[in-house]
C-alpha atoms as a PDB file:
ATOM      1  CA  THR A   1      -0.005   0.158  -0.020  1.00  0.00           C
ATOM      2  CA  ARG A   2       1.143   3.676  -0.806  1.00  0.00           C
ATOM      3  CA  VAL A   3      -0.328   6.760   0.112  1.00  0.00           C
ATOM      4  CA  VAL A   4       0.962  10.206  -1.058  1.00  0.00           C
ATOM      5  CA  GLU A   5      -0.026  13.724   0.521  1.00  0.00           C
ATOM      6  CA  ALA A   6       0.945  17.556   0.172  1.00  0.00           C
ATOM      7  CA  ALA A   7       0.645  20.362   2.621  1.00  0.00           C
ATOM      8  CA  VAL A   8       1.046  23.958   1.991  1.00  0.00           C
ATOM      9  CA  PHE A   9       2.933  25.910   4.414  1.00  0.00           C
ATOM     10  CA  LYS A  10       2.987  29.812   5.131  1.00  0.00           C
ATOM     11  CA  SER A  11       7.221  29.620   5.136  1.00  0.00           C
ATOM     12  CA  LEU A  12       9.699  27.364   3.759  1.00  0.00           C
ATOM     13  CA  SER A  13      10.907  27.029   7.597  1.00  0.00           C
ATOM     14  CA  SER A  14       7.521  25.658   8.483  1.00  0.00           C
ATOM     15  CA  ALA A  15       7.461  23.007   6.032  1.00  0.00           C
ATOM     16  CA  ILE A  16      11.191  22.056   6.965  1.00  0.00           C
ATOM     17  CA  SER A  17      10.152  21.607  10.669  1.00  0.00           C
ATOM     18  CA  VAL A  18       7.193  19.446   9.836  1.00  0.00           C
ATOM     19  CA  LEU A  19       9.650  16.932   7.880  1.00  0.00           C
ATOM     20  CA  GLU A  20      12.368  17.017  10.503  1.00  0.00           C
ATOM     21  CA  ARG A  21       9.516  16.248  13.192  1.00  0.00           C
ATOM     22  CA  MET A  22       8.150  13.527  10.995  1.00  0.00           C
ATOM     23  CA  ILE A  23      11.449  11.802  10.975  1.00  0.00           C
ATOM     24  CA  GLN A  24      11.619  12.399  14.775  1.00  0.00           C
ATOM     25  CA  ALA A  25       8.637  10.474  15.699  1.00  0.00           C
ATOM     26  CA  GLY A  26       9.819   7.719  13.899  1.00  0.00           C
ATOM     27  CA  LEU A  27       7.610   8.000  10.621  1.00  0.00           C
ATOM     28  CA  SER A  28       9.493   6.051   8.060  1.00  0.00           C
ATOM     29  CA  LEU A  29       9.235   8.672   4.787  1.00  0.00           C
ATOM     30  CA  GLU A  30       9.468   7.117   1.750  1.00  0.00           C
ATOM     31  CA  SER A  31       9.966  10.157  -0.301  1.00  0.00           C
ATOM     32  CA  ALA A  32       9.531  13.942   0.638  1.00  0.00           C
ATOM     33  CA  HIS A  33       9.890  17.127  -1.454  1.00  0.00           C
ATOM     34  CA  ILE A  34       9.515  20.857  -0.951  1.00  0.00           C
ATOM     35  CA  ASN A  35       8.780  22.998  -3.370  1.00  0.00           C
ATOM     36  CA  CYS A  36       8.686  26.518  -3.260  1.00  0.00           C
ATOM     37  CA  LYS A  37       5.646  28.324  -4.602  1.00  0.00           C
ATOM     38  CA  ARG A  38       7.190  28.807  -8.245  1.00  0.00           C
ATOM     39  CA  ARG A  39       8.477  25.786  -8.453  1.00  0.00           C
ATOM     40  CA  LEU A  40       5.380  24.191  -8.185  1.00  0.00           C
ATOM     41  CA  GLN A  41       4.351  25.337 -11.471  1.00  0.00           C
ATOM     42  CA  PHE A  42       6.982  23.372 -13.140  1.00  0.00           C
ATOM     43  CA  TYR A  43       6.211  20.101 -11.528  1.00  0.00           C
ATOM     44  CA  THR A  44       2.087  20.379 -12.461  1.00  0.00           C
ATOM     45  CA  HIS A  45       2.951  20.262 -15.815  1.00  0.00           C
ATOM     46  CA  ALA A  46       1.359  17.079 -16.208  1.00  0.00           C
ATOM     47  CA  TYR A  47      -1.960  18.491 -14.406  1.00  0.00           C
ATOM     48  CA  ARG A  48      -2.026  21.432 -16.593  1.00  0.00           C
ATOM     49  CA  GLN A  49      -1.733  19.261 -19.453  1.00  0.00           C
ATOM     50  CA  LYS A  50      -4.733  17.063 -18.640  1.00  0.00           C
ATOM     51  CA  TYR A  51      -7.136  19.790 -16.715  1.00  0.00           C
ATOM     52  CA  GLY A  52      -6.286  22.999 -19.037  1.00  0.00           C
ATOM     53  CA  ARG A  53      -5.729  25.245 -15.487  1.00  0.00           C
ATOM     54  CA  GLN A  54      -3.483  26.054 -12.908  1.00  0.00           C
ATOM     55  CA  PRO A  55      -3.889  24.034  -9.586  1.00  0.00           C
ATOM     56  CA  GLU A  56      -5.582  26.032  -6.962  1.00  0.00           C
ATOM     57  CA  ILE A  57      -3.141  26.952  -4.387  1.00  0.00           C
ATOM     58  CA  PRO A  58      -3.942  29.203  -1.118  1.00  0.00           C
ATOM     59  CA  GLU A  59      -2.753  32.908  -1.779  1.00  0.00           C
ATOM     60  CA  TRP A  60      -0.799  32.359   1.767  1.00  0.00           C
ATOM     61  CA  ALA A  61       0.810  29.547   0.764  1.00  0.00           C
ATOM     62  CA  GLU A  62       4.824  30.111   0.467  1.00  0.00           C
ATOM     63  CA  SER A  63       5.732  26.366   0.232  1.00  0.00           C
ATOM     64  CA  ILE A  64       4.395  22.999  -0.238  1.00  0.00           C
ATOM     65  CA  LEU A  65       5.505  19.637   1.342  1.00  0.00           C
ATOM     66  CA  PHE A  66       4.975  16.118  -0.919  1.00  0.00           C
ATOM     67  CA  PHE A  67       5.715  13.173   0.876  1.00  0.00           C
ATOM     68  CA  SER A  68       4.746   9.175   0.591  1.00  0.00           C
ATOM     69  CA  PHE A  69       4.626   6.117   2.895  1.00  0.00           C
ATOM     70  CA  GLY A  70       4.678   2.595   1.691  1.00  0.00           C
ATOM     71  CA  GLY A  71       4.470  -0.779   3.224  1.00  0.00           C
ATOM     72  CA  ASP A  72       1.665  -2.716   4.933  1.00  0.00           C
ATOM     73  CA  ARG A  73      -1.783  -0.831   4.729  1.00  0.00           C
ATOM     74  CA  GLU A  74      -2.032  -0.677   8.760  1.00  0.00           C
ATOM     75  CA  VAL A  75       1.562   0.868   9.359  1.00  0.00           C
ATOM     76  CA  VAL A  76       0.343   3.420   6.066  1.00  0.00           C
ATOM     77  CA  GLU A  77      -2.378   4.606   7.490  1.00  0.00           C
ATOM     78  CA  PHE A  78      -0.956   5.288  10.976  1.00  0.00           C
ATOM     79  CA  SER A  79       1.767   6.855   9.322  1.00  0.00           C
ATOM     80  CA  ARG A  80      -0.336   9.175   7.177  1.00  0.00           C
ATOM     81  CA  ASN A  81      -2.841  10.196  10.253  1.00  0.00           C
ATOM     82  CA  TYR A  82      -0.008  11.232  12.289  1.00  0.00           C
ATOM     83  CA  ALA A  83       1.791  13.186   9.695  1.00  0.00           C
ATOM     84  CA  ILE A  84      -1.286  15.017   9.302  1.00  0.00           C
ATOM     85  CA  ARG A  85      -1.845  16.196  12.937  1.00  0.00           C
ATOM     86  CA  LEU A  86       1.712  17.292  12.954  1.00  0.00           C
ATOM     87  CA  ILE A  87       0.972  19.295   9.672  1.00  0.00           C
ATOM     88  CA  GLY A  88      -2.115  21.006  11.442  1.00  0.00           C
ATOM     89  CA  GLU A  89      -0.100  21.707  14.686  1.00  0.00           C
ATOM     90  CA  ALA A  90       2.409  23.521  12.310  1.00  0.00           C
ATOM     91  CA  GLY A  91      -0.186  25.575  11.077  1.00  0.00           C
ATOM     92  CA  GLY A  92      -0.146  23.721   7.634  1.00  0.00           C
ATOM     93  CA  ALA A  93      -3.230  22.377   5.529  1.00  0.00           C
ATOM     94  CA  LEU A  94      -3.550  19.743   3.440  1.00  0.00           C
ATOM     95  CA  ILE A  95      -4.156  19.978  -0.122  1.00  0.00           C
ATOM     96  CA  LYS A  96      -7.729  18.283  -1.043  1.00  0.00           C
ATOM     97  CA  GLU A  97      -7.117  18.537  -4.834  1.00  0.00           C
ATOM     98  CA  ARG A  98      -6.072  14.949  -5.543  1.00  0.00           C
ATOM     99  CA  GLU A  99      -5.624  15.469  -9.181  1.00  0.00           C
ATOM    100  CA  LEU A 100      -2.762  17.785  -8.071  1.00  0.00           C
ATOM    101  CA  VAL A 101      -0.983  15.428  -5.626  1.00  0.00           C
ATOM    102  CA  GLU A 102      -1.157  12.952  -8.378  1.00  0.00           C
ATOM    103  CA  SER A 103       0.333  15.116 -10.826  1.00  0.00           C
ATOM    104  CA  TRP A 104       3.532  15.508  -8.558  1.00  0.00           C
ATOM    105  CA  TRP A 105       3.704  11.935  -8.392  1.00  0.00           C
ATOM    106  CA  THR A 106       3.547  11.363 -11.989  1.00  0.00           C
ATOM    107  CA  SER A 107       6.147  13.901 -12.640  1.00  0.00           C
ATOM    108  CA  LYS A 108       8.578  12.448 -10.124  1.00  0.00           C
ATOM    109  CA  HIS A 109       8.039   8.848  -9.793  1.00  0.00           C
ATOM    110  CA  LEU A 110       6.413   7.380 -12.711  1.00  0.00           C
ATOM    111  CA  LEU A 111       6.634   7.467 -16.395  1.00  0.00           C
ATOM    112  CA  GLU A 112       2.906   7.748 -17.110  1.00  0.00           C
ATOM    113  CA  PHE A 113       2.895  11.198 -19.380  1.00  0.00           C
ATOM    114  CA  GLU A 114       0.447  12.278 -22.030  1.00  0.00           C
ATOM    115  CA  PRO A 115       2.428  11.770 -25.494  1.00  0.00           C
ATOM    116  CA  PHE A 116       4.792  14.612 -26.320  1.00  0.00           C
ATOM    117  CA  LYS A 117       3.319  16.726 -23.455  1.00  0.00           C
ATOM    118  CA  GLN A 118       5.717  16.076 -20.518  1.00  0.00           C
ATOM    119  CA  LYS A 119       7.186  18.268 -18.931  1.00  0.00           C
ATOM    120  CA  TRP A 120      10.575  17.306 -20.585  1.00  0.00           C
ATOM    121  CA  PRO A 121      10.446  18.562 -23.052  1.00  0.00           C
ATOM    122  CA  ASP A 122       7.396  20.204 -23.322  1.00  0.00           C
ATOM    123  CA  SER A 123       8.305  22.731 -21.058  1.00  0.00           C
ATOM    124  CA  GLN A 124      11.882  23.552 -22.829  1.00  0.00           C
ATOM    125  CA  ARG A 125      10.880  24.804 -26.105  1.00  0.00           C
ATOM    126  CA  THR A 126      12.047  28.637 -25.764  1.00  0.00           C
ATOM    127  CA  LYS A 127      14.403  28.376 -22.620  1.00  0.00           C
ATOM    128  CA  LYS A 128      15.825  25.358 -20.535  1.00  0.00           C
ATOM    129  CA  PHE A 129      15.917  24.311 -17.168  1.00  0.00           C
ATOM    130  CA  GLY A 130      19.225  25.444 -15.486  1.00  0.00           C
ATOM    131  CA  ALA A 131      20.318  25.105 -11.854  1.00  0.00           C
ATOM    132  CA  ALA A 132      22.464  25.499  -9.224  1.00  0.00           C
ATOM    133  CA  ASP A 133      22.354  22.408  -7.000  1.00  0.00           C
ATOM    134  CA  LEU A 134      23.415  22.936  -3.362  1.00  0.00           C
ATOM    135  CA  GLY A 135      23.572  21.727   0.082  1.00  0.00           C
ATOM    136  CA  ILE A 136      22.419  24.448   2.674  1.00  0.00           C
ATOM    137  CA  PRO A 137      22.107  23.862   6.721  1.00  0.00           C
ATOM    138  CA  VAL A 138      18.413  23.722   7.575  1.00  0.00           C
ATOM    139  CA  GLY A 139      18.310  26.744   9.584  1.00  0.00           C
ATOM    140  CA  ARG A 140      19.894  28.759   6.831  1.00  0.00           C
ATOM    141  CA  ILE A 141      17.229  27.890   3.557  1.00  0.00           C
ATOM    142  CA  GLU A 142      14.886  30.798   4.111  1.00  0.00           C
ATOM    143  CA  GLU A 143      18.076  33.156   3.984  1.00  0.00           C
ATOM    144  CA  ALA A 144      19.157  30.957   0.698  1.00  0.00           C
ATOM    145  CA  TYR A 145      15.927  31.505  -0.943  1.00  0.00           C
ATOM    146  CA  ARG A 146      16.179  34.946  -0.679  1.00  0.00           C
ATOM    147  CA  ARG A 147      19.609  35.319  -1.735  1.00  0.00           C
ATOM    148  CA  TYR A 148      18.823  33.107  -4.705  1.00  0.00           C
ATOM    149  CA  LEU A 149      15.915  35.822  -5.707  1.00  0.00           C
ATOM    150  CA  GLU A 150      18.439  38.324  -5.515  1.00  0.00           C
ATOM    151  CA  ILE A 151      20.966  36.902  -7.595  1.00  0.00           C
ATOM    152  CA  ALA A 152      18.571  35.770 -10.195  1.00  0.00           C
ATOM    153  CA  ALA A 153      17.496  39.309 -10.717  1.00  0.00           C
ATOM    154  CA  ARG A 154      21.130  40.487 -10.766  1.00  0.00           C
ATOM    155  CA  ASN A 155      22.068  38.126 -13.591  1.00  0.00           C
ATOM    156  CA  GLY A 156      18.876  39.043 -15.423  1.00  0.00           C
ATOM    157  CA  LEU A 157      17.278  35.368 -15.164  1.00  0.00           C
ATOM    158  CA  GLU A 158      14.004  34.110 -14.750  1.00  0.00           C
ATOM    159  CA  VAL A 159      13.202  32.603 -11.850  1.00  0.00           C
ATOM    160  CA  LEU A 160      12.048  28.533 -12.176  1.00  0.00           C
ATOM    161  CA  GLY A 161      11.509  27.876  -8.461  1.00  0.00           C
ATOM    162  CA  MET A 162      13.034  25.890  -5.686  1.00  0.00           C
ATOM    163  CA  CYS A 163      13.023  22.182  -4.762  1.00  0.00           C
ATOM    164  CA  ILE A 164      14.342  20.772  -1.718  1.00  0.00           C
ATOM    165  CA  TYR A 165      14.922  16.892  -1.951  1.00  0.00           C
ATOM    166  CA  HIS A 166      15.112  14.679   1.323  1.00  0.00           C
ATOM    167  CA  GLN A 167      17.922  12.780   0.467  1.00  0.00           C
ATOM    168  CA  ARG A 168      18.697  10.640   3.435  1.00  0.00           C
ATOM    169  CA  PRO A 169      16.436   8.432   5.929  1.00  0.00           C
ATOM    170  CA  ASN A 170      16.151   9.162   9.285  1.00  0.00           C
ATOM    171  CA  ARG A 171      17.599  12.873   9.166  1.00  0.00           C
ATOM    172  CA  VAL A 172      16.651  15.853   7.289  1.00  0.00           C
ATOM    173  CA  SER A 173      19.712  16.023   4.414  1.00  0.00           C
ATOM    174  CA  PRO A 174      18.668  18.315   1.805  1.00  0.00           C
ATOM    175  CA  SER A 175      19.814  18.611  -1.581  1.00  0.00           C
ATOM    176  CA  ILE A 176      18.455  21.768  -3.355  1.00  0.00           C
ATOM    177  CA  SER A 177      17.922  22.636  -6.694  1.00  0.00           C
ATOM    178  CA  PHE A 178      17.910  26.441  -7.366  1.00  0.00           C
ATOM    179  CA  ALA A 179      16.552  26.491 -10.766  1.00  0.00           C
ATOM    180  CA  VAL A 180      16.114  29.612 -13.412  1.00  0.00           C
ATOM    181  CA  PHE A 181      14.968  29.370 -17.383  1.00  0.00           C
ATOM    182  CA  VAL A 182      17.600  29.929 -19.833  1.00  0.00           C
ATOM    183  CA  ASP A 183      17.876  30.535 -23.558  1.00  0.00           C
ATOM    184  CA  ASP A 184      20.779  28.406 -24.733  1.00  0.00           C
ATOM    185  CA  GLY A 185      20.878  30.476 -27.704  1.00  0.00           C
ATOM    186  CA  ASN A 186      21.958  33.122 -26.171  1.00  0.00           C
ATOM    187  CA  PRO A 187      25.521  33.214 -25.944  1.00  0.00           C
ATOM    188  CA  ASP A 188      25.132  36.040 -23.471  1.00  0.00           C
ATOM    189  CA  GLU A 189      22.350  34.573 -21.187  1.00  0.00           C
ATOM    190  CA  VAL A 190      24.579  31.054 -20.998  1.00  0.00           C
ATOM    191  CA  ARG A 191      27.343  33.413 -19.904  1.00  0.00           C
ATOM    192  CA  ARG A 192      25.124  35.033 -17.104  1.00  0.00           C
ATOM    193  CA  PHE A 193      23.762  31.697 -16.123  1.00  0.00           C
ATOM    194  CA  TYR A 194      27.377  30.717 -15.374  1.00  0.00           C
ATOM    195  CA  ASN A 195      27.719  33.815 -13.502  1.00  0.00           C
ATOM    196  CA  TYR A 196      24.485  33.022 -11.512  1.00  0.00           C
ATOM    197  CA  VAL A 197      25.928  29.756 -10.726  1.00  0.00           C
ATOM    198  CA  ALA A 198      29.340  30.879  -9.378  1.00  0.00           C
ATOM    199  CA  GLU A 199      27.381  33.413  -7.491  1.00  0.00           C
ATOM    200  CA  MET A 200      24.967  30.663  -6.016  1.00  0.00           C
ATOM    201  CA  SER A 201      27.830  28.251  -5.078  1.00  0.00           C
ATOM    202  CA  LYS A 202      29.754  31.030  -3.096  1.00  0.00           C
ATOM    203  CA  MET A 203      26.872  31.651  -1.545  1.00  0.00           C
ATOM    204  CA  ALA A 204      26.213  27.958  -0.187  1.00  0.00           C
ATOM    205  CA  VAL A 205      30.018  27.904   0.802  1.00  0.00           C
ATOM    206  CA  ASP A 206      29.367  31.270   2.789  1.00  0.00           C
ATOM    207  CA  LEU A 207      26.259  29.676   4.797  1.00  0.00           C
ATOM    208  CA  GLU A 208      28.380  26.893   5.751  1.00  0.00           C
ATOM    209  CA  GLY A 209      27.184  24.482   3.063  1.00  0.00           C
ATOM    210  CA  THR A 210      28.529  22.872  -0.155  1.00  0.00           C
ATOM    211  CA  MET A 211      28.145  23.969  -3.679  1.00  0.00           C
ATOM    212  CA  SER A 212      27.748  20.532  -4.923  1.00  0.00           C
ATOM    213  CA  THR A 213      25.724  17.780  -3.629  1.00  0.00           C
ATOM    214  CA  TYR A 214      24.792  14.501  -5.813  1.00  0.00           C
ATOM    215  CA  ILE A 215      25.684  16.027  -9.051  1.00  0.00           C
ATOM    216  CA  GLY A 216      29.615  16.199 -10.167  1.00  0.00           C
ATOM    217  CA  ASP A 217      31.247  19.541  -9.473  1.00  0.00           C
ATOM    218  CA  GLY A 218      33.881  18.955 -12.624  1.00  0.00           C
ATOM    219  CA  GLU A 219      32.578  20.478 -15.770  1.00  0.00           C
ATOM    220  CA  ARG A 220      30.591  22.862 -13.693  1.00  0.00           C
ATOM    221  CA  LEU A 221      32.936  23.926 -10.703  1.00  0.00           C
ATOM    222  CA  GLY A 222      36.119  22.363 -11.564  1.00  0.00           C
ATOM    223  CA  GLY A 223      38.853  24.603 -10.399  1.00  0.00           C
ATOM    224  CA  PHE A 224      36.429  27.240  -9.166  1.00  0.00           C
ATOM    225  CA  ASN A 225      35.539  24.736  -6.352  1.00  0.00           C
ATOM    226  CA  ARG A 226      38.880  25.382  -4.769  1.00  0.00           C
ATOM    227  CA  TYR A 227      36.430  28.603  -2.908  1.00  0.00           C
ATOM    228  CA  GLU A 228      35.011  25.364  -1.140  1.00  0.00           C
ATOM    229  CA  HIS A 229      38.149  23.138  -0.830  1.00  0.00           C
ATOM    230  CA  GLY A 230      40.943  25.486  -0.400  1.00  0.00           C
ATOM    231  CA  LYS A 231      44.427  23.788  -0.449  1.00  0.00           C
ATOM    232  CA  ALA A 232      42.862  20.460  -0.251  1.00  0.00           C
ATOM    233  CA  LEU A 233      41.691  20.831  -3.884  1.00  0.00           C
ATOM    234  CA  ASP A 234      45.520  20.704  -4.507  1.00  0.00           C
ATOM    235  CA  TYR A 235      46.094  17.239  -2.431  1.00  0.00           C
ATOM    236  CA  MET A 236      43.479  15.799  -4.111  1.00  0.00           C
ATOM    237  CA  LEU A 237      44.927  16.596  -7.638  1.00  0.00           C
ATOM    238  CA  GLU A 238      48.493  15.289  -6.092  1.00  0.00           C
ATOM    239  CA  VAL A 239      47.023  11.819  -5.075  1.00  0.00           C
ATOM    240  CA  LYS A 240      45.323  11.814  -8.618  1.00  0.00           C
ATOM    241  CA  ARG A 241      48.679  12.215 -10.084  1.00  0.00           C
ATOM    242  CA  VAL A 242      50.271  10.017  -8.081  1.00  0.00           C
ATOM    243  CA  PHE A 243      47.832   6.746  -8.580  1.00  0.00           C
ATOM    244  CA  ASP A 244      46.721   7.372 -11.984  1.00  0.00           C
ATOM    245  CA  PRO A 245      49.086   9.797 -13.435  1.00  0.00           C
ATOM    246  CA  LYS A 246      47.897   8.825 -17.263  1.00  0.00           C
ATOM    247  CA  LYS A 247      44.403   9.393 -16.474  1.00  0.00           C
ATOM    248  CA  ILE A 248      43.186   6.048 -17.513  1.00  0.00           C
ATOM    249  CA  LEU A 249      40.761   6.061 -14.478  1.00  0.00           C
ATOM    250  CA  ASN A 250      37.493   7.849 -14.859  1.00  0.00           C
ATOM    251  CA  PRO A 251      38.592   9.474 -18.009  1.00  0.00           C
ATOM    252  CA  GLY A 252      35.902  11.568 -18.406  1.00  0.00           C
ATOM    253  CA  LYS A 253      36.538  13.606 -14.986  1.00  0.00           C
ATOM    254  CA  LYS A 254      37.316  17.177 -15.544  1.00  0.00           C
ATOM    255  CA  PHE A 255      39.218  18.812 -12.993  1.00  0.00           C
ATOM    256  CA  THR A 256      38.585  22.632 -14.462  1.00  0.00           C
ATOM    257  CA  SER A 257      35.687  24.349 -16.043  1.00  0.00           C
ATOM    258  CA  ARG A 258      35.452  25.742 -19.603  1.00  0.00           C
ATOM    259  CA  TRP A 259      32.625  27.897 -18.096  1.00  0.00           C
ATOM    260  CA  ILE A 260      34.129  29.244 -14.681  1.00  0.00           C
ATOM    261  CA  LYS A 261      37.226  30.534 -14.023  1.00  0.00           C
ATOM    262  CA  GLU A 262      39.123  29.883 -10.820  1.00  0.00           C
ATOM    263  CA  GLU A 263      39.853  33.299 -10.449  1.00  0.00           C
ATOM    264  CA  PHE A 264      35.937  33.869  -9.722  1.00  0.00           C
ATOM    265  CA  GLY A 265      36.528  32.547  -6.163  1.00  0.00           C
ATOM    266  CA  ALA A 266      39.612  34.683  -5.434  1.00  0.00           C
END
């Protein structure tokens, strides 16, 4: 048995706190994502294709938490009911529109799309999805979100939205996608996008996070990641030179970025 639910909150912090409480209470989450209001529009592409309208989200909602439980029916039902109680205690509201919840599940976990109308590539016809994928301490995510909006605006990029991926069982360990739209046919906009990635990456380190989580940093951040690693980057490269001088192992690995210069982080 599986149950999928979604709840809206007045802040990102509230949604994160509820996710933490679910884990602290002993609930075994199968999956969990937190979207800002803007990012939700991207993930509900399947909903709009099917119903021809935007989903109904309360005006006051600034974040939405999607989550699921899977297992024996009695355990799943108990987990769902306990989670709903925690949501209510935090001032959140459960999404009643099942089609919206199911469209998120379809988008993230299934392949049951309308032919030729899925968000990839249907939402990418004019501008492409581009993101800085960062790790941010949970207590500083609100600050990071504000900085994200400022950095995107400073680089003249349209905000697509933020999504927090819950990456690890039994503790909140977020990997965050701060996404923007990018016209890859416009060289100036591509340049501004990589300036955006560099600024966002520095911001993550300044907030005691990391500039790269589950995505490799070679082509995007190689060399520039010295801002995070410091002298340790030299040690990493020296170990590579000693054990693999001819670069036979992992031959596609890139140690510098053609997009972001190392001096950017100086």
